[in-house]
Amino acid sequence: MKTKDTGIEIKTESILQSLGVVFEKQKIIREAHTIADFYIPTQHLVIYADGFYWHKSKSAEEKGVPRKDMAQDFLLTFNGYRVLRLCENKINDNPKWCKREITKALSSFNGDLS
């Protein structure tokens, strides 16, 4: 288990706080075999802050990380979670876009947790 938040996680947390969202950090979601960077329980929303090196680089592709992320998203969705992935370049270069994406995800929830 990691002990320190990444820069993009800190920035994402700041966005969530600015929106007044109640969230859990580093939430273990056993049925999807994952640890979510952020989890908003009232919305059943999982948010990942995906770093380029770990998720999109050539090395990540060679290790099958994009496939793993897709499988993880499928398992989360299958188990009733909603997933939002924010990529490093958007978090760093366009935090307003990230804030809009989070706001859209929050407003699209219909309240059905079944």
Protein backbone atom coordinates (compact mmCIF):
# COMPACT_ATOMS: atom_id res chain seq x y z
CA MET A 1 0.00 0.00 0.00
CA LYS A 2 1.41 3.36 -0.94
CA THR A 3 2.13 5.96 1.70
CA LYS A 4 2.22 9.24 -0.23
CA ASP A 5 -0.24 10.85 -2.62
CA THR A 6 1.00 11.70 -6.10
CA GLY A 7 0.94 15.27 -7.40
CA ILE A 8 -2.03 14.54 -9.63
CA GLU A 9 -3.92 12.92 -6.75
CA ILE A 10 -3.32 16.03 -4.64
CA LYS A 11 -4.64 18.23 -7.47
CA THR A 12 -7.68 15.99 -7.96
CA GLU A 13 -8.37 16.03 -4.23
CA SER A 14 -8.25 19.83 -4.31
CA ILE A 15 -10.82 19.88 -7.12
CA LEU A 16 -13.11 17.54 -5.18
CA GLN A 17 -12.75 19.69 -2.06
CA SER A 18 -13.55 22.85 -4.04
CA LEU A 19 -16.78 21.17 -5.13
CA GLY A 20 -17.64 20.28 -1.53
CA VAL A 21 -17.69 16.57 -2.35
CA VAL A 22 -17.42 14.02 0.46
CA PHE A 23 -15.06 11.27 -0.66
CA GLU A 24 -12.82 8.47 0.54
CA LYS A 25 -9.21 8.19 -0.58
CA GLN A 26 -7.51 4.93 -1.53
CA LYS A 27 -10.76 2.98 -1.22
CA ILE A 28 -10.37 -0.79 -1.50
CA ILE A 29 -13.07 -2.24 -3.75
CA ARG A 30 -12.68 -5.98 -3.39
CA GLU A 31 -15.21 -7.11 -5.99
CA ALA A 32 -13.24 -5.27 -8.67
CA HIS A 33 -9.80 -6.11 -7.26
CA THR A 34 -8.80 -2.47 -7.14
CA ILE A 35 -7.94 0.46 -4.95
CA ALA A 36 -9.71 3.57 -6.17
CA ASP A 37 -7.84 6.85 -5.87
CA PHE A 38 -11.13 8.46 -4.81
CA TYR A 39 -14.55 7.04 -4.04
CA ILE A 40 -17.71 9.08 -3.61
CA PRO A 41 -20.08 6.73 -1.78
CA THR A 42 -23.27 8.78 -2.22
CA GLN A 43 -22.70 8.67 -5.97
CA HIS A 44 -21.16 5.20 -6.20
CA LEU A 45 -18.48 6.96 -8.23
CA VAL A 46 -14.86 5.82 -8.51
CA ILE A 47 -12.31 8.36 -9.72
CA TYR A 48 -8.80 7.48 -10.86
CA ALA A 49 -6.04 10.01 -11.44
CA ASP A 50 -4.07 8.13 -14.08
CA GLY A 51 -0.43 9.08 -14.47
CA PHE A 52 0.97 8.94 -17.99
CA TYR A 53 3.94 6.72 -17.15
CA TRP A 54 1.87 4.12 -15.28
CA HIS A 55 -1.15 4.04 -17.63
CA LYS A 56 -0.34 5.35 -21.13
CA SER A 57 3.39 5.07 -21.79
CA LYS A 58 4.93 2.49 -24.10
CA SER A 59 6.12 0.62 -21.01
CA ALA A 60 2.57 0.56 -19.61
CA GLU A 61 1.24 -0.69 -22.95
CA GLU A 62 3.87 -3.45 -23.06
CA LYS A 63 2.80 -4.52 -19.56
CA GLY A 64 -0.87 -4.60 -20.59
CA VAL A 65 -1.94 -1.82 -18.27
CA PRO A 66 -4.54 -0.30 -20.64
CA ARG A 67 -6.20 -3.75 -20.93
CA LYS A 68 -6.07 -4.13 -17.16
CA ASP A 69 -7.67 -0.70 -16.72
CA MET A 70 -10.47 -1.65 -19.14
CA ALA A 71 -11.07 -4.92 -17.29
CA GLN A 72 -11.10 -3.05 -14.00
CA ASP A 73 -13.62 -0.54 -15.35
CA PHE A 74 -15.78 -3.42 -16.57
CA LEU A 75 -15.71 -5.12 -13.15
CA LEU A 76 -16.55 -1.88 -11.41
CA THR A 77 -19.43 -1.14 -13.78
CA PHE A 78 -20.68 -4.72 -13.56
CA ASN A 79 -20.77 -4.34 -9.77
CA GLY A 80 -22.77 -1.10 -9.92
CA TYR A 81 -20.00 1.46 -9.70
CA ARG A 82 -19.50 4.38 -12.05
CA VAL A 83 -15.96 5.17 -13.17
CA LEU A 84 -14.25 8.41 -14.12
CA ARG A 85 -10.61 8.36 -15.21
CA LEU A 86 -8.73 11.64 -15.34
CA CYS A 87 -5.41 11.60 -17.16
CA GLU A 88 -2.31 13.36 -15.92
CA ASN A 89 -2.07 15.87 -18.75
CA LYS A 90 -5.66 17.05 -18.21
CA ILE A 91 -5.20 17.27 -14.43
CA ASN A 92 -2.00 19.31 -14.83
CA ASP A 93 -2.86 21.40 -17.90
CA ASN A 94 -6.61 21.80 -17.71
CA PRO A 95 -7.99 21.48 -14.17
CA LYS A 96 -11.14 23.39 -15.23
CA TRP A 97 -11.90 20.57 -17.69
CA CYS A 98 -11.42 18.03 -14.89
CA LYS A 99 -13.73 19.99 -12.62
CA ARG A 100 -16.37 20.03 -15.40
CA GLU A 101 -16.00 16.27 -15.95
CA ILE A 102 -16.39 15.59 -12.23
CA THR A 103 -19.40 17.92 -12.06
CA LYS A 104 -20.97 16.14 -15.06
CA ALA A 105 -20.41 12.75 -13.45
CA LEU A 106 -21.94 13.96 -10.19
CA SER A 107 -24.97 15.47 -11.90
CA SER A 108 -25.60 12.39 -14.07
CA PHE A 109 -26.23 10.10 -11.11
CA ASN A 110 -29.82 8.93 -10.96
CA GLY A 111 -29.66 7.74 -7.35
CA ASP A 112 -30.12 4.04 -8.14
CA LEU A 113 -27.51 1.99 -6.29
CA SER A 114 -29.00 -1.39 -7.19
